PDB file of all heavy atoms in Angstrom:
ATOM      1  N   GLY A   1       2.822 -10.478  -7.148  1.00  0.00           N
ATOM      2  CA  GLY A   1       2.443  -9.286  -7.955  1.00  0.00           C
ATOM      3  C   GLY A   1       3.577  -8.299  -7.861  1.00  0.00           C
ATOM      4  O   GLY A   1       4.751  -8.650  -7.779  1.00  0.00           O
ATOM      5  N   HIS A   2       3.166  -6.983  -7.868  1.00  0.00           N
ATOM      6  CA  HIS A   2       4.098  -5.888  -7.994  1.00  0.00           C
ATOM      7  C   HIS A   2       4.978  -5.899  -6.777  1.00  0.00           C
ATOM      8  O   HIS A   2       4.638  -6.056  -5.629  1.00  0.00           O
ATOM      9  CB  HIS A   2       3.250  -4.554  -7.915  1.00  0.00           C
ATOM     10  CG  HIS A   2       4.012  -3.318  -7.839  1.00  0.00           C
ATOM     11  ND1 HIS A   2       5.055  -2.993  -8.807  1.00  0.00           N
ATOM     12  CD2 HIS A   2       4.133  -2.345  -6.983  1.00  0.00           C
ATOM     13  CE1 HIS A   2       5.631  -1.869  -8.541  1.00  0.00           C
ATOM     14  NE2 HIS A   2       5.086  -1.409  -7.380  1.00  0.00           N
ATOM     15  N   ARG A   3       6.299  -5.866  -7.060  1.00  0.00           N
ATOM     16  CA  ARG A   3       7.343  -5.901  -6.040  1.00  0.00           C
ATOM     17  C   ARG A   3       7.398  -7.156  -5.259  1.00  0.00           C
ATOM     18  O   ARG A   3       7.876  -7.295  -4.161  1.00  0.00           O
ATOM     19  CB  ARG A   3       7.201  -4.726  -4.953  1.00  0.00           C
ATOM     20  CG  ARG A   3       7.335  -3.373  -5.571  1.00  0.00           C
ATOM     21  CD  ARG A   3       7.476  -2.242  -4.611  1.00  0.00           C
ATOM     22  NE  ARG A   3       6.383  -2.196  -3.686  1.00  0.00           N
ATOM     23  CZ  ARG A   3       6.281  -1.284  -2.659  1.00  0.00           C
ATOM     24  NH1 ARG A   3       7.305  -0.448  -2.408  1.00  0.00           N
ATOM     25  NH2 ARG A   3       5.199  -1.283  -1.909  1.00  0.00           N
ATOM     26  N   GLY A   4       6.919  -8.314  -5.909  1.00  0.00           N
ATOM     27  CA  GLY A   4       6.948  -9.566  -5.275  1.00  0.00           C
ATOM     28  C   GLY A   4       8.343 -10.184  -5.343  1.00  0.00           C
ATOM     29  O   GLY A   4       9.098 -10.229  -4.300  1.00  0.00           O
ATOM     30  N   PRO A   5       8.687 -10.790  -6.443  1.00  0.00           N
ATOM     31  CA  PRO A   5      10.119 -11.224  -6.523  1.00  0.00           C
ATOM     32  C   PRO A   5      11.073 -10.117  -6.441  1.00  0.00           C
ATOM     33  O   PRO A   5      10.774  -9.022  -6.801  1.00  0.00           O
ATOM     34  CB  PRO A   5      10.168 -11.834  -7.968  1.00  0.00           C
ATOM     35  CG  PRO A   5       8.793 -11.956  -8.416  1.00  0.00           C
ATOM     36  CD  PRO A   5       8.032 -10.874  -7.744  1.00  0.00           C
ATOM     37  N   GLY A   6      12.285 -10.388  -5.923  1.00  0.00           N
ATOM     38  CA  GLY A   6      13.337  -9.373  -5.806  1.00  0.00           C
ATOM     39  C   GLY A   6      14.678  -9.897  -5.783  1.00  0.00           C
ATOM     40  O   GLY A   6      14.981 -10.872  -5.103  1.00  0.00           O
ATOM     41  N   TYR A   7      15.606  -9.319  -6.565  1.00  0.00           N
ATOM     42  CA  TYR A   7      16.979  -9.435  -6.502  1.00  0.00           C
ATOM     43  C   TYR A   7      17.598  -8.464  -5.595  1.00  0.00           C
ATOM     44  O   TYR A   7      17.393  -7.175  -5.880  1.00  0.00           O
ATOM     45  CB  TYR A   7      17.650  -9.550  -7.882  1.00  0.00           C
ATOM     46  CG  TYR A   7      19.115  -9.664  -7.849  1.00  0.00           C
ATOM     47  CD1 TYR A   7      19.799 -10.831  -7.442  1.00  0.00           C
ATOM     48  CD2 TYR A   7      20.035  -8.614  -8.128  1.00  0.00           C
ATOM     49  CE1 TYR A   7      21.159 -11.008  -7.335  1.00  0.00           C
ATOM     50  CE2 TYR A   7      21.377  -8.679  -8.104  1.00  0.00           C
ATOM     51  CZ  TYR A   7      21.938  -9.923  -7.687  1.00  0.00           C
ATOM     52  OH  TYR A   7      23.324 -10.047  -7.649  1.00  0.00           O
ATOM     53  N   ILE A   8      18.348  -8.795  -4.497  1.00  0.00           N
ATOM     54  CA  ILE A   8      18.665  -7.913  -3.450  1.00  0.00           C
ATOM     55  C   ILE A   8      20.148  -7.966  -3.205  1.00  0.00           C
ATOM     56  O   ILE A   8      20.687  -9.067  -3.183  1.00  0.00           O
ATOM     57  CB  ILE A   8      17.820  -8.258  -2.207  1.00  0.00           C
ATOM     58  CG1 ILE A   8      16.314  -8.166  -2.475  1.00  0.00           C
ATOM     59  CG2 ILE A   8      18.201  -7.322  -1.082  1.00  0.00           C
ATOM     60  CD1 ILE A   8      15.537  -8.825  -1.484  1.00  0.00           C
ATOM     61  N   THR A   9      20.708  -6.819  -2.933  1.00  0.00           N
ATOM     62  CA  THR A   9      22.129  -6.742  -2.422  1.00  0.00           C
ATOM     63  C   THR A   9      22.074  -6.034  -1.101  1.00  0.00           C
ATOM     64  O   THR A   9      21.371  -5.061  -0.905  1.00  0.00           O
ATOM     65  CB  THR A   9      23.019  -6.090  -3.377  1.00  0.00           C
ATOM     66  OG1 THR A   9      22.480  -4.784  -3.843  1.00  0.00           O
ATOM     67  CG2 THR A   9      23.270  -6.903  -4.669  1.00  0.00           C
ATOM     68  N   ASP A  10      22.925  -6.511  -0.115  1.00  0.00           N
ATOM     69  CA  ASP A  10      22.962  -5.892   1.128  1.00  0.00           C
ATOM     70  C   ASP A  10      24.166  -4.854   1.246  1.00  0.00           C
ATOM     71  O   ASP A  10      24.807  -4.634   0.280  1.00  0.00           O
ATOM     72  CB  ASP A  10      23.061  -6.966   2.289  1.00  0.00           C
ATOM     73  CG  ASP A  10      24.481  -7.709   2.204  1.00  0.00           C
ATOM     74  OD1 ASP A  10      25.343  -7.275   1.463  1.00  0.00           O
ATOM     75  OD2 ASP A  10      24.587  -8.649   2.994  1.00  0.00           O
ATOM     76  N   PRO A  11      24.369  -4.273   2.374  1.00  0.00           N
ATOM     77  CA  PRO A  11      25.361  -3.197   2.454  1.00  0.00           C
ATOM     78  C   PRO A  11      26.841  -3.755   2.161  1.00  0.00           C
ATOM     79  O   PRO A  11      27.668  -3.005   1.782  1.00  0.00           O
ATOM     80  CB  PRO A  11      25.342  -2.788   3.979  1.00  0.00           C
ATOM     81  CG  PRO A  11      23.943  -2.961   4.290  1.00  0.00           C
ATOM     82  CD  PRO A  11      23.474  -4.219   3.573  1.00  0.00           C
ATOM     83  N   GLN A  12      26.955  -5.043   2.337  1.00  0.00           N
ATOM     84  CA  GLN A  12      28.260  -5.715   1.907  1.00  0.00           C
ATOM     85  C   GLN A  12      28.293  -6.235   0.509  1.00  0.00           C
ATOM     86  O   GLN A  12      29.220  -7.002   0.033  1.00  0.00           O
ATOM     87  CB  GLN A  12      28.702  -6.789   2.817  1.00  0.00           C
ATOM     88  CG  GLN A  12      29.059  -6.343   4.286  1.00  0.00           C
ATOM     89  CD  GLN A  12      27.814  -5.875   5.089  1.00  0.00           C
ATOM     90  OE1 GLN A  12      26.712  -6.557   5.055  1.00  0.00           O
ATOM     91  NE2 GLN A  12      28.088  -4.788   5.731  1.00  0.00           N
ATOM     92  N   ASP A  13      27.241  -5.868  -0.318  1.00  0.00           N
ATOM     93  CA  ASP A  13      27.107  -6.297  -1.713  1.00  0.00           C
ATOM     94  C   ASP A  13      26.878  -7.748  -1.816  1.00  0.00           C
ATOM     95  O   ASP A  13      27.179  -8.391  -2.876  1.00  0.00           O
ATOM     96  CB  ASP A  13      28.322  -5.795  -2.501  1.00  0.00           C
ATOM     97  CG  ASP A  13      27.914  -5.579  -4.033  1.00  0.00           C
ATOM     98  OD1 ASP A  13      26.728  -5.265  -4.281  1.00  0.00           O
ATOM     99  OD2 ASP A  13      28.762  -5.834  -4.830  1.00  0.00           O
ATOM    100  N   GLN A  14      26.410  -8.493  -0.771  1.00  0.00           N
ATOM    101  CA  GLN A  14      26.026  -9.844  -0.934  1.00  0.00           C
ATOM    102  C   GLN A  14      24.696  -9.970  -1.490  1.00  0.00           C
ATOM    103  O   GLN A  14      23.685  -9.301  -1.102  1.00  0.00           O
ATOM    104  CB  GLN A  14      26.030 -10.467   0.475  1.00  0.00           C
ATOM    105  CG  GLN A  14      27.435 -10.452   1.117  1.00  0.00           C
ATOM    106  CD  GLN A  14      28.461 -11.340   0.336  1.00  0.00           C
ATOM    107  OE1 GLN A  14      28.219 -12.421  -0.031  1.00  0.00           O
ATOM    108  NE2 GLN A  14      29.585 -10.776   0.040  1.00  0.00           N
ATOM    109  N   PRO A  15      24.575 -10.994  -2.476  1.00  0.00           N
ATOM    110  CA  PRO A  15      23.307 -11.140  -3.116  1.00  0.00           C
ATOM    111  C   PRO A  15      22.231 -11.965  -2.378  1.00  0.00           C
ATOM    112  O   PRO A  15      22.644 -12.976  -1.704  1.00  0.00           O
ATOM    113  CB  PRO A  15      23.673 -11.717  -4.430  1.00  0.00           C
ATOM    114  CG  PRO A  15      24.829 -12.618  -4.093  1.00  0.00           C
ATOM    115  CD  PRO A  15      25.520 -11.887  -3.012  1.00  0.00           C
ATOM    116  N   PHE A  16      20.970 -11.728  -2.505  1.00  0.00           N
ATOM    117  CA  PHE A  16      19.863 -12.437  -2.050  1.00  0.00           C
ATOM    118  C   PHE A  16      18.754 -12.495  -3.058  1.00  0.00           C
ATOM    119  O   PHE A  16      18.676 -11.594  -3.947  1.00  0.00           O
ATOM    120  CB  PHE A  16      19.267 -11.902  -0.767  1.00  0.00           C
ATOM    121  CG  PHE A  16      20.272 -11.849   0.500  1.00  0.00           C
ATOM    122  CD1 PHE A  16      21.104 -10.793   0.629  1.00  0.00           C
ATOM    123  CD2 PHE A  16      20.176 -12.857   1.384  1.00  0.00           C
ATOM    124  CE1 PHE A  16      21.982 -10.757   1.684  1.00  0.00           C
ATOM    125  CE2 PHE A  16      21.032 -12.913   2.458  1.00  0.00           C
ATOM    126  CZ  PHE A  16      21.954 -11.802   2.578  1.00  0.00           C
ATOM    127  N   PHE A  17      17.860 -13.545  -3.021  1.00  0.00           N
ATOM    128  CA  PHE A  17      16.699 -13.543  -3.840  1.00  0.00           C
ATOM    129  C   PHE A  17      15.533 -13.830  -2.898  1.00  0.00           C
ATOM    130  O   PHE A  17      15.581 -14.573  -1.965  1.00  0.00           O
ATOM    131  CB  PHE A  17      16.801 -14.699  -4.885  1.00  0.00           C
ATOM    132  CG  PHE A  17      16.511 -14.228  -6.277  1.00  0.00           C
ATOM    133  CD1 PHE A  17      17.465 -14.320  -7.260  1.00  0.00           C
ATOM    134  CD2 PHE A  17      15.241 -13.771  -6.613  1.00  0.00           C
ATOM    135  CE1 PHE A  17      17.181 -13.825  -8.534  1.00  0.00           C
ATOM    136  CE2 PHE A  17      14.932 -13.359  -7.905  1.00  0.00           C
ATOM    137  CZ  PHE A  17      15.912 -13.352  -8.823  1.00  0.00           C
ATOM    138  N   ARG A  18      14.417 -13.073  -3.195  1.00  0.00           N
ATOM    139  CA  ARG A  18      13.240 -13.317  -2.360  1.00  0.00           C
ATOM    140  C   ARG A  18      12.036 -13.510  -3.350  1.00  0.00           C
ATOM    141  O   ARG A  18      12.064 -13.076  -4.454  1.00  0.00           O
ATOM    142  CB  ARG A  18      12.951 -12.186  -1.464  1.00  0.00           C
ATOM    143  CG  ARG A  18      12.291 -11.038  -2.219  1.00  0.00           C
ATOM    144  CD  ARG A  18      11.754 -10.053  -1.333  1.00  0.00           C
ATOM    145  NE  ARG A  18      10.946  -8.954  -2.080  1.00  0.00           N
ATOM    146  CZ  ARG A  18      10.710  -7.726  -1.650  1.00  0.00           C
ATOM    147  NH1 ARG A  18      11.122  -7.368  -0.498  1.00  0.00           N
ATOM    148  NH2 ARG A  18       9.949  -6.916  -2.421  1.00  0.00           N
ATOM    149  N   GLU A  19      10.988 -14.089  -2.683  1.00  0.00           N
ATOM    150  CA  GLU A  19       9.654 -14.107  -3.340  1.00  0.00           C
ATOM    151  C   GLU A  19       8.642 -13.776  -2.317  1.00  0.00           C
ATOM    152  O   GLU A  19       8.860 -14.085  -1.163  1.00  0.00           O
ATOM    153  CB  GLU A  19       9.373 -15.380  -3.973  1.00  0.00           C
ATOM    154  CG  GLU A  19       7.949 -15.629  -4.563  1.00  0.00           C
ATOM    155  CD  GLU A  19       7.712 -14.776  -5.734  1.00  0.00           C
ATOM    156  OE1 GLU A  19       7.514 -13.590  -5.542  1.00  0.00           O
ATOM    157  OE2 GLU A  19       7.626 -15.400  -6.894  1.00  0.00           O
ATOM    158  N   GLN A  20       7.566 -13.029  -2.774  1.00  0.00           N
ATOM    159  CA  GLN A  20       6.404 -12.701  -1.890  1.00  0.00           C
ATOM    160  C   GLN A  20       5.192 -13.213  -2.536  1.00  0.00           C
ATOM    161  O   GLN A  20       4.815 -12.751  -3.532  1.00  0.00           O
ATOM    162  CB  GLN A  20       6.386 -11.275  -1.590  1.00  0.00           C
ATOM    163  CG  GLN A  20       7.500 -10.629  -0.843  1.00  0.00           C
ATOM    164  CD  GLN A  20       7.239  -9.180  -0.481  1.00  0.00           C
ATOM    165  OE1 GLN A  20       6.678  -8.445  -1.286  1.00  0.00           O
ATOM    166  NE2 GLN A  20       7.824  -8.667   0.657  1.00  0.00           N
ATOM    167  N   LEU A  21       4.476 -14.161  -1.961  1.00  0.00           N
ATOM    168  CA  LEU A  21       3.293 -14.795  -2.436  1.00  0.00           C
ATOM    169  C   LEU A  21       2.140 -14.173  -1.651  1.00  0.00           C
ATOM    170  O   LEU A  21       2.176 -13.943  -0.451  1.00  0.00           O
ATOM    171  CB  LEU A  21       3.249 -16.268  -2.286  1.00  0.00           C
ATOM    172  CG  LEU A  21       4.355 -16.972  -3.216  1.00  0.00           C
ATOM    173  CD1 LEU A  21       4.267 -18.534  -2.979  1.00  0.00           C
ATOM    174  CD2 LEU A  21       4.242 -16.618  -4.667  1.00  0.00           C
ATOM    175  N   GLU A  22       1.094 -13.970  -2.414  1.00  0.00           N
ATOM    176  CA  GLU A  22      -0.151 -13.294  -1.825  1.00  0.00           C
ATOM    177  C   GLU A  22      -0.747 -14.217  -0.703  1.00  0.00           C
ATOM    178  O   GLU A  22      -0.825 -15.425  -0.824  1.00  0.00           O
ATOM    179  CB  GLU A  22      -1.181 -13.003  -2.922  1.00  0.00           C
ATOM    180  CG  GLU A  22      -0.683 -12.096  -3.922  1.00  0.00           C
ATOM    181  CD  GLU A  22      -1.569 -11.971  -5.168  1.00  0.00           C
ATOM    182  OE1 GLU A  22      -2.620 -12.732  -5.166  1.00  0.00           O
ATOM    183  OE2 GLU A  22      -1.267 -11.212  -6.103  1.00  0.00           O
ATOM    184  N   LEU A  23      -1.247 -13.512   0.307  1.00  0.00           N
ATOM    185  CA  LEU A  23      -1.956 -14.218   1.472  1.00  0.00           C
ATOM    186  C   LEU A  23      -3.379 -13.631   1.542  1.00  0.00           C
ATOM    187  O   LEU A  23      -3.516 -12.369   1.717  1.00  0.00           O
ATOM    188  CB  LEU A  23      -1.100 -13.924   2.740  1.00  0.00           C
ATOM    189  CG  LEU A  23      -1.634 -14.789   3.957  1.00  0.00           C
ATOM    190  CD1 LEU A  23      -1.254 -16.245   3.682  1.00  0.00           C
ATOM    191  CD2 LEU A  23      -0.853 -14.291   5.201  1.00  0.00           C
ATOM    192  N   GLY A  24      -4.349 -14.509   1.348  1.00  0.00           N
ATOM    193  CA  GLY A  24      -5.667 -13.916   1.280  1.00  0.00           C
ATOM    194  C   GLY A  24      -6.344 -13.715   2.634  1.00  0.00           C
ATOM    195  O   GLY A  24      -5.804 -14.113   3.719  1.00  0.00           O
ATOM    196  N   ILE A  25      -7.502 -13.038   2.682  1.00  0.00           N
ATOM    197  CA  ILE A  25      -8.222 -12.807   3.907  1.00  0.00           C
ATOM    198  C   ILE A  25      -8.687 -14.204   4.426  1.00  0.00           C
ATOM    199  O   ILE A  25      -9.334 -14.953   3.703  1.00  0.00           O
ATOM    200  CB  ILE A  25      -9.429 -11.863   3.635  1.00  0.00           C
ATOM    201  CG1 ILE A  25      -8.895 -10.516   3.194  1.00  0.00           C
ATOM    202  CG2 ILE A  25     -10.298 -11.798   4.939  1.00  0.00           C
ATOM    203  CD1 ILE A  25      -9.955  -9.578   2.708  1.00  0.00           C
ATOM    204  N   GLY A  26      -8.480 -14.452   5.678  1.00  0.00           N
ATOM    205  CA  GLY A  26      -8.869 -15.689   6.299  1.00  0.00           C
ATOM    206  C   GLY A  26      -8.001 -16.869   5.974  1.00  0.00           C
ATOM    207  O   GLY A  26      -8.297 -17.980   6.209  1.00  0.00           O
ATOM    208  N   GLU A  27      -6.822 -16.607   5.339  1.00  0.00           N
ATOM    209  CA  GLU A  27      -5.890 -17.674   4.953  1.00  0.00           C
ATOM    210  C   GLU A  27      -4.937 -17.961   6.058  1.00  0.00           C
ATOM    211  O   GLU A  27      -4.376 -16.999   6.653  1.00  0.00           O
ATOM    212  CB  GLU A  27      -5.201 -17.323   3.661  1.00  0.00           C
ATOM    213  CG  GLU A  27      -4.246 -18.444   3.162  1.00  0.00           C
ATOM    214  CD  GLU A  27      -3.631 -18.170   1.791  1.00  0.00           C
ATOM    215  OE1 GLU A  27      -3.871 -17.080   1.282  1.00  0.00           O
ATOM    216  OE2 GLU A  27      -2.809 -18.974   1.308  1.00  0.00           O
ATOM    217  N   TYR A  28      -4.658 -19.256   6.325  1.00  0.00           N
ATOM    218  CA  TYR A  28      -3.736 -19.611   7.454  1.00  0.00           C
ATOM    219  C   TYR A  28      -2.696 -20.533   6.854  1.00  0.00           C
ATOM    220  O   TYR A  28      -2.909 -21.311   5.959  1.00  0.00           O
ATOM    221  CB  TYR A  28      -4.469 -20.355   8.511  1.00  0.00           C
ATOM    222  CG  TYR A  28      -5.597 -19.480   9.164  1.00  0.00           C
ATOM    223  CD1 TYR A  28      -6.965 -19.668   8.922  1.00  0.00           C
ATOM    224  CD2 TYR A  28      -5.245 -18.472  10.000  1.00  0.00           C
ATOM    225  CE1 TYR A  28      -7.901 -18.858   9.487  1.00  0.00           C
ATOM    226  CE2 TYR A  28      -6.235 -17.627  10.623  1.00  0.00           C
ATOM    227  CZ  TYR A  28      -7.500 -17.873  10.347  1.00  0.00           C
ATOM    228  OH  TYR A  28      -8.492 -17.022  10.938  1.00  0.00           O
TER     229      TYR A  28
END
């Protein structure tokens, strides 16, 4: 959802990619 995937640069301008997937109540 909102702010899930992200293209990221760190203080040295190195690139990263992330994903955030939803975790439900009672999910393990």
